[in-house]
Structures are given as structure tokens and as C-alpha cells.
Amino acid sequence: MDKAKFIYKKNDYNAYDAQRIVFEACKYKSEIMVEGGGKRANAKSIIGLVSMKFVGGEEYIVAAEGQDGKAAASGVAKFIAELN
């Protein structure tokens, strides 16, 4: 399993952000999970990501397993960290 850490930088989080993350995660074949704040969600599930409620300044982990796991973990982590 490949993992990548990121710090969530936005002050707010909404369903539109979750949708954008799902679109990014769906570019990869691997299973991708986001963990942090005592929660864990499938990065390809809008319902799961909405429930994550990312908090600005907190550290999270993206874990990916599959043929493109390394690229998936780092790509999704970078995408979420750079949301604006």
C-alpha cells in the first residue's frame, strides 16, 4: 500500500470540493482511501468525502492500493492540498 501525507489548507470544505476530489481520484485505477481526524473515506465516494469534513491546518493521509498506487496516493494528496 502506498501512502502520501498532506496538510489541508482551506478554511472551509463543502460538497463541491468533495466532488472535485472524486473526479481526481477516478483518474486512477487503484483503490484510494483518505484518513484523518478519526475518519476514513473512499476517495471515489462523494458521500464518504463529504463526511470527512476536512479542517484547515490538519494533516491527512491518502492510501492507495493497486497498479498505479504510488501515483494515485501522491496525485490525490497533492490535489487535495492545493484545493482553492
C-alpha atoms as a PDB file:
ATOM      1  CA  MET A   1       0.000   0.000   0.000  1.00  0.00           C
ATOM      2  CA  ASP A   2       1.322   3.409  -0.979  1.00  0.00           C
ATOM      3  CA  LYS A   3       0.721   6.444   1.239  1.00  0.00           C
ATOM      4  CA  ALA A   4       1.129  10.206   0.975  1.00  0.00           C
ATOM      5  CA  LYS A   5       0.542  12.872   3.641  1.00  0.00           C
ATOM      6  CA  PHE A   6      -0.863  16.330   3.084  1.00  0.00           C
ATOM      7  CA  ILE A   7      -1.979  19.356   5.075  1.00  0.00           C
ATOM      8  CA  TYR A   8      -5.456  20.643   4.215  1.00  0.00           C
ATOM      9  CA  LYS A   9      -5.035  24.380   3.600  1.00  0.00           C
ATOM     10  CA  LYS A  10      -8.551  25.718   3.018  1.00  0.00           C
ATOM     11  CA  ASN A  11     -10.581  27.240   5.837  1.00  0.00           C
ATOM     12  CA  ASP A  12     -13.815  25.707   4.592  1.00  0.00           C
ATOM     13  CA  TYR A  13     -14.915  22.458   2.951  1.00  0.00           C
ATOM     14  CA  ASN A  14     -18.053  21.683   1.006  1.00  0.00           C
ATOM     15  CA  ALA A  15     -19.709  19.157  -1.333  1.00  0.00           C
ATOM     16  CA  TYR A  16     -18.207  20.858  -4.385  1.00  0.00           C
ATOM     17  CA  ASP A  17     -14.709  20.198  -3.011  1.00  0.00           C
ATOM     18  CA  ALA A  18     -15.685  16.566  -2.389  1.00  0.00           C
ATOM     19  CA  GLN A  19     -16.932  16.264  -5.974  1.00  0.00           C
ATOM     20  CA  ARG A  20     -13.673  17.647  -7.347  1.00  0.00           C
ATOM     21  CA  ILE A  21     -11.686  15.147  -5.258  1.00  0.00           C
ATOM     22  CA  VAL A  22     -13.810  12.251  -6.553  1.00  0.00           C
ATOM     23  CA  PHE A  23     -13.199  13.331 -10.163  1.00  0.00           C
ATOM     24  CA  GLU A  24      -9.456  13.429  -9.492  1.00  0.00           C
ATOM     25  CA  ALA A  25      -9.428  10.063  -7.713  1.00  0.00           C
ATOM     26  CA  CYS A  26     -11.381   8.419 -10.541  1.00  0.00           C
ATOM     27  CA  LYS A  27      -8.462   9.114 -12.894  1.00  0.00           C
ATOM     28  CA  TYR A  28      -6.622   6.258 -11.150  1.00  0.00           C
ATOM     29  CA  LYS A  29      -7.327   2.522 -11.173  1.00  0.00           C
ATOM     30  CA  SER A  30      -6.211   1.937  -7.561  1.00  0.00           C
ATOM     31  CA  GLU A  31      -8.435   1.798  -4.503  1.00  0.00           C
ATOM     32  CA  ILE A  32      -7.861   5.109  -2.705  1.00  0.00           C
ATOM     33  CA  MET A  33      -8.707   5.965   0.893  1.00  0.00           C
ATOM     34  CA  VAL A  34      -8.347   9.270   2.749  1.00  0.00           C
ATOM     35  CA  GLU A  35      -7.708   9.117   6.503  1.00  0.00           C
ATOM     36  CA  GLY A  36      -7.574  11.762   9.198  1.00  0.00           C
ATOM     37  CA  GLY A  37      -9.434  13.357  12.051  1.00  0.00           C
ATOM     38  CA  GLY A  38     -10.526   9.925  13.236  1.00  0.00           C
ATOM     39  CA  LYS A  39     -12.316   9.238   9.950  1.00  0.00           C
ATOM     40  CA  ARG A  40     -11.633   7.212   6.839  1.00  0.00           C
ATOM     41  CA  ALA A  41     -13.328   7.540   3.446  1.00  0.00           C
ATOM     42  CA  ASN A  42     -13.116   6.118  -0.036  1.00  0.00           C
ATOM     43  CA  ALA A  43     -11.731   8.888  -2.265  1.00  0.00           C
ATOM     44  CA  LYS A  44     -14.076   7.782  -5.067  1.00  0.00           C
ATOM     45  CA  SER A  45     -17.207   8.206  -2.908  1.00  0.00           C
ATOM     46  CA  ILE A  46     -18.738  11.664  -2.677  1.00  0.00           C
ATOM     47  CA  ILE A  47     -20.794  10.637   0.365  1.00  0.00           C
ATOM     48  CA  GLY A  48     -17.686   9.397   2.160  1.00  0.00           C
ATOM     49  CA  LEU A  49     -15.706  12.516   1.333  1.00  0.00           C
ATOM     50  CA  VAL A  50     -18.482  14.879   2.410  1.00  0.00           C
ATOM     51  CA  SER A  51     -18.467  13.126   5.792  1.00  0.00           C
ATOM     52  CA  MET A  52     -14.694  13.708   6.155  1.00  0.00           C
ATOM     53  CA  LYS A  53     -15.208  17.408   6.939  1.00  0.00           C
ATOM     54  CA  PHE A  54     -11.596  18.417   6.305  1.00  0.00           C
ATOM     55  CA  VAL A  55     -10.254  21.049   8.709  1.00  0.00           C
ATOM     56  CA  GLY A  56      -7.710  23.669   7.645  1.00  0.00           C
ATOM     57  CA  GLY A  57      -4.227  23.069   9.025  1.00  0.00           C
ATOM     58  CA  GLU A  58      -4.847  19.380   9.832  1.00  0.00           C
ATOM     59  CA  GLU A  59      -2.733  16.539   8.428  1.00  0.00           C
ATOM     60  CA  TYR A  60      -4.335  13.739   6.441  1.00  0.00           C
ATOM     61  CA  ILE A  61      -3.111  10.603   4.682  1.00  0.00           C
ATOM     62  CA  VAL A  62      -4.054   9.242   1.269  1.00  0.00           C
ATOM     63  CA  ALA A  63      -3.528   5.481   0.988  1.00  0.00           C
ATOM     64  CA  ALA A  64      -3.769   3.728  -2.374  1.00  0.00           C
ATOM     65  CA  GLU A  65      -3.508   0.098  -3.364  1.00  0.00           C
ATOM     66  CA  GLY A  66      -3.303  -1.116  -6.939  1.00  0.00           C
ATOM     67  CA  GLN A  67      -1.265  -0.955 -10.113  1.00  0.00           C
ATOM     68  CA  ASP A  68      -0.907   2.832 -10.019  1.00  0.00           C
ATOM     69  CA  GLY A  69      -0.921   3.130  -6.215  1.00  0.00           C
ATOM     70  CA  LYS A  70       2.119   5.357  -5.842  1.00  0.00           C
ATOM     71  CA  ALA A  71       0.897   7.829  -8.469  1.00  0.00           C
ATOM     72  CA  ALA A  72      -2.635   7.710  -7.047  1.00  0.00           C
ATOM     73  CA  ALA A  73      -1.592   8.403  -3.456  1.00  0.00           C
ATOM     74  CA  SER A  74       0.728  11.266  -4.320  1.00  0.00           C
ATOM     75  CA  GLY A  75      -1.555  12.696  -7.028  1.00  0.00           C
ATOM     76  CA  VAL A  76      -4.700  12.788  -4.896  1.00  0.00           C
ATOM     77  CA  ALA A  77      -2.810  14.104  -1.844  1.00  0.00           C
ATOM     78  CA  LYS A  78      -1.305  16.908  -3.917  1.00  0.00           C
ATOM     79  CA  PHE A  79      -4.681  17.717  -5.479  1.00  0.00           C
ATOM     80  CA  ILE A  80      -6.445  17.992  -2.099  1.00  0.00           C
ATOM     81  CA  ALA A  81      -3.596  20.017  -0.577  1.00  0.00           C
ATOM     82  CA  GLU A  82      -3.809  22.519  -3.446  1.00  0.00           C
ATOM     83  CA  LEU A  83      -7.611  22.945  -3.474  1.00  0.00           C
ATOM     84  CA  ASN A  84      -8.636  26.583  -3.517  1.00  0.00           C
END
